[in-house]
N, C-alpha and C. Protein backbone atom coordinates (compact mmCIF):
# COMPACT_ATOMS: atom_id res chain seq x y z
N MET A 1 -25.82 79.22 12.34
CA MET A 1 -24.41 79.25 12.28
C MET A 1 -23.92 78.20 13.27
N PHE A 2 -23.01 77.44 12.85
CA PHE A 2 -22.35 76.39 13.72
C PHE A 2 -21.19 77.02 14.36
N VAL A 3 -20.97 76.71 15.60
CA VAL A 3 -19.72 77.05 16.35
C VAL A 3 -19.16 75.69 16.68
N VAL A 4 -17.99 75.43 16.26
CA VAL A 4 -17.31 74.16 16.53
C VAL A 4 -16.12 74.29 17.39
N SER A 5 -16.10 73.58 18.54
CA SER A 5 -15.04 73.65 19.52
C SER A 5 -15.01 72.38 20.31
N LYS A 6 -14.01 72.40 21.23
CA LYS A 6 -13.86 71.28 22.14
C LYS A 6 -15.19 71.17 23.01
N GLU A 7 -15.45 70.01 23.45
CA GLU A 7 -16.72 69.82 24.22
C GLU A 7 -16.66 70.61 25.50
N PHE A 8 -15.49 70.79 26.13
CA PHE A 8 -15.32 71.48 27.38
C PHE A 8 -15.74 73.03 27.22
N SER A 9 -15.80 73.52 26.02
CA SER A 9 -16.14 74.93 25.73
C SER A 9 -17.69 75.08 25.68
N HIS A 10 -18.51 73.99 25.73
CA HIS A 10 -19.92 74.13 25.55
C HIS A 10 -20.59 74.93 26.61
N ASP A 11 -20.18 74.85 27.84
CA ASP A 11 -20.67 75.72 28.89
C ASP A 11 -20.45 77.24 28.62
N LYS A 12 -19.19 77.53 28.24
CA LYS A 12 -18.80 78.87 28.00
C LYS A 12 -19.63 79.38 26.78
N PHE A 13 -19.88 78.54 25.74
CA PHE A 13 -20.68 78.96 24.59
C PHE A 13 -22.10 79.36 25.11
N ASN A 14 -22.68 78.52 26.00
CA ASN A 14 -24.03 78.73 26.52
C ASN A 14 -24.08 80.08 27.29
N ARG A 15 -23.01 80.35 28.05
CA ARG A 15 -23.01 81.68 28.79
C ARG A 15 -22.89 82.83 27.79
N GLU A 16 -21.96 82.66 26.80
CA GLU A 16 -21.73 83.86 25.94
C GLU A 16 -22.99 84.17 25.06
N VAL A 17 -23.73 83.20 24.62
CA VAL A 17 -24.82 83.54 23.75
C VAL A 17 -25.97 84.19 24.55
N MET A 18 -25.87 84.16 25.88
CA MET A 18 -26.88 84.89 26.74
C MET A 18 -26.54 86.34 26.92
N LYS A 19 -25.27 86.78 26.36
CA LYS A 19 -24.86 88.18 26.53
C LYS A 19 -25.24 88.96 25.28
N ASN A 20 -25.22 90.30 25.45
CA ASN A 20 -25.35 91.16 24.34
C ASN A 20 -24.03 91.16 23.48
N PRO A 21 -24.09 91.16 22.24
CA PRO A 21 -25.27 91.32 21.37
C PRO A 21 -25.86 89.99 20.95
N PHE A 22 -25.30 88.90 21.35
CA PHE A 22 -25.69 87.57 20.90
C PHE A 22 -27.07 87.13 21.33
N VAL A 23 -27.52 87.57 22.51
CA VAL A 23 -28.79 87.14 23.05
C VAL A 23 -29.92 87.34 22.06
N LYS A 24 -29.84 88.42 21.25
CA LYS A 24 -30.89 88.72 20.35
C LYS A 24 -31.00 87.70 19.17
N ILE A 25 -29.93 87.00 18.95
CA ILE A 25 -29.85 86.07 17.85
C ILE A 25 -29.40 84.66 18.34
N LYS A 26 -29.48 84.42 19.62
CA LYS A 26 -28.94 83.19 20.18
C LYS A 26 -29.37 81.92 19.44
N ASN A 27 -30.68 81.93 18.99
CA ASN A 27 -31.25 80.75 18.30
C ASN A 27 -30.56 80.44 16.97
N GLU A 28 -29.84 81.43 16.45
CA GLU A 28 -29.12 81.17 15.19
C GLU A 28 -27.78 80.44 15.37
N PHE A 29 -27.30 80.27 16.62
CA PHE A 29 -26.02 79.68 16.92
C PHE A 29 -26.29 78.20 17.47
N ILE A 30 -25.52 77.30 16.90
CA ILE A 30 -25.57 75.93 17.25
C ILE A 30 -24.26 75.40 17.59
N PHE A 31 -24.06 74.85 18.75
CA PHE A 31 -22.74 74.30 19.25
C PHE A 31 -22.58 72.91 18.74
N LYS A 32 -21.40 72.62 18.14
CA LYS A 32 -21.01 71.26 17.78
C LYS A 32 -19.61 71.07 18.24
N ASN A 33 -19.25 69.83 18.70
CA ASN A 33 -17.91 69.61 19.05
C ASN A 33 -17.13 68.89 17.90
N TYR A 34 -15.78 68.81 18.10
CA TYR A 34 -14.97 68.27 17.11
C TYR A 34 -15.18 66.78 16.86
N ASP A 35 -15.52 66.04 17.88
CA ASP A 35 -15.80 64.63 17.74
C ASP A 35 -17.07 64.37 16.83
N GLY A 36 -18.08 65.24 17.17
CA GLY A 36 -19.31 65.15 16.24
C GLY A 36 -19.01 65.52 14.82
N LEU A 37 -18.21 66.49 14.62
CA LEU A 37 -17.83 66.93 13.31
C LEU A 37 -17.06 65.83 12.54
N ASP A 38 -16.15 65.23 13.28
CA ASP A 38 -15.37 64.14 12.74
C ASP A 38 -16.20 62.91 12.36
N SER A 39 -17.16 62.56 13.25
CA SER A 39 -18.16 61.46 12.96
C SER A 39 -18.92 61.79 11.73
N PHE A 40 -19.37 63.04 11.63
CA PHE A 40 -20.16 63.42 10.43
C PHE A 40 -19.36 63.31 9.16
N SER A 41 -18.14 63.74 9.26
CA SER A 41 -17.24 63.76 8.14
C SER A 41 -16.98 62.32 7.61
N GLN A 42 -16.72 61.45 8.61
CA GLN A 42 -16.50 60.00 8.24
C GLN A 42 -17.74 59.35 7.61
N SER A 43 -18.91 59.72 8.13
CA SER A 43 -20.13 59.13 7.58
C SER A 43 -20.41 59.65 6.17
N VAL A 44 -20.02 60.91 5.86
CA VAL A 44 -20.21 61.41 4.58
C VAL A 44 -19.22 60.74 3.64
N LYS A 45 -18.04 60.49 4.06
CA LYS A 45 -17.03 59.80 3.19
C LYS A 45 -17.51 58.40 2.81
N GLN A 46 -17.99 57.70 3.92
CA GLN A 46 -18.55 56.31 3.66
C GLN A 46 -19.73 56.35 2.76
N PHE A 47 -20.68 57.35 2.92
CA PHE A 47 -21.80 57.40 2.05
C PHE A 47 -21.35 57.63 0.58
N ASN A 48 -20.35 58.54 0.34
CA ASN A 48 -19.92 58.80 -0.96
C ASN A 48 -19.34 57.55 -1.64
N LYS A 49 -18.58 56.78 -0.80
CA LYS A 49 -18.05 55.48 -1.41
C LYS A 49 -19.17 54.59 -1.79
N MET A 50 -20.12 54.41 -0.96
CA MET A 50 -21.29 53.51 -1.27
C MET A 50 -22.01 53.99 -2.42
N GLN A 51 -22.24 55.33 -2.47
CA GLN A 51 -22.99 55.90 -3.66
C GLN A 51 -22.25 55.65 -4.94
N GLU A 52 -20.98 55.82 -4.86
CA GLU A 52 -20.10 55.70 -6.08
C GLU A 52 -20.14 54.17 -6.57
N MET A 53 -20.11 53.25 -5.60
CA MET A 53 -20.16 51.82 -5.94
C MET A 53 -21.59 51.45 -6.48
N PHE A 54 -22.56 51.95 -5.78
CA PHE A 54 -23.90 51.58 -6.19
C PHE A 54 -24.29 52.19 -7.51
N LEU A 55 -23.98 53.41 -7.78
CA LEU A 55 -24.34 54.09 -9.02
C LEU A 55 -23.28 53.96 -10.06
N ASN A 56 -22.16 53.34 -9.72
CA ASN A 56 -21.06 53.03 -10.66
C ASN A 56 -20.61 54.34 -11.34
N LYS A 57 -20.40 55.40 -10.52
CA LYS A 57 -19.85 56.58 -11.03
C LYS A 57 -19.08 57.26 -9.90
N VAL A 58 -18.16 58.22 -10.37
CA VAL A 58 -17.41 58.97 -9.34
C VAL A 58 -18.16 60.28 -8.97
N ILE A 59 -18.30 60.47 -7.69
CA ILE A 59 -18.93 61.69 -7.16
C ILE A 59 -17.80 62.68 -6.82
N SER A 60 -17.90 63.89 -7.34
CA SER A 60 -16.78 64.80 -7.07
C SER A 60 -17.22 65.89 -6.13
């Protein structure tokens, strides 16, 4: 499961996953920040545009 927040919350995330009940499943949580999510989103948009041009079809 992704937890998306501002980068300054990363330390708090690390502390909280070490507490009950999360410590039992802490490896299931992955912290991502908004800047990373935005970069990922932009790269997906660019990929979709390139794929559409290369394959000559619209991806929905």
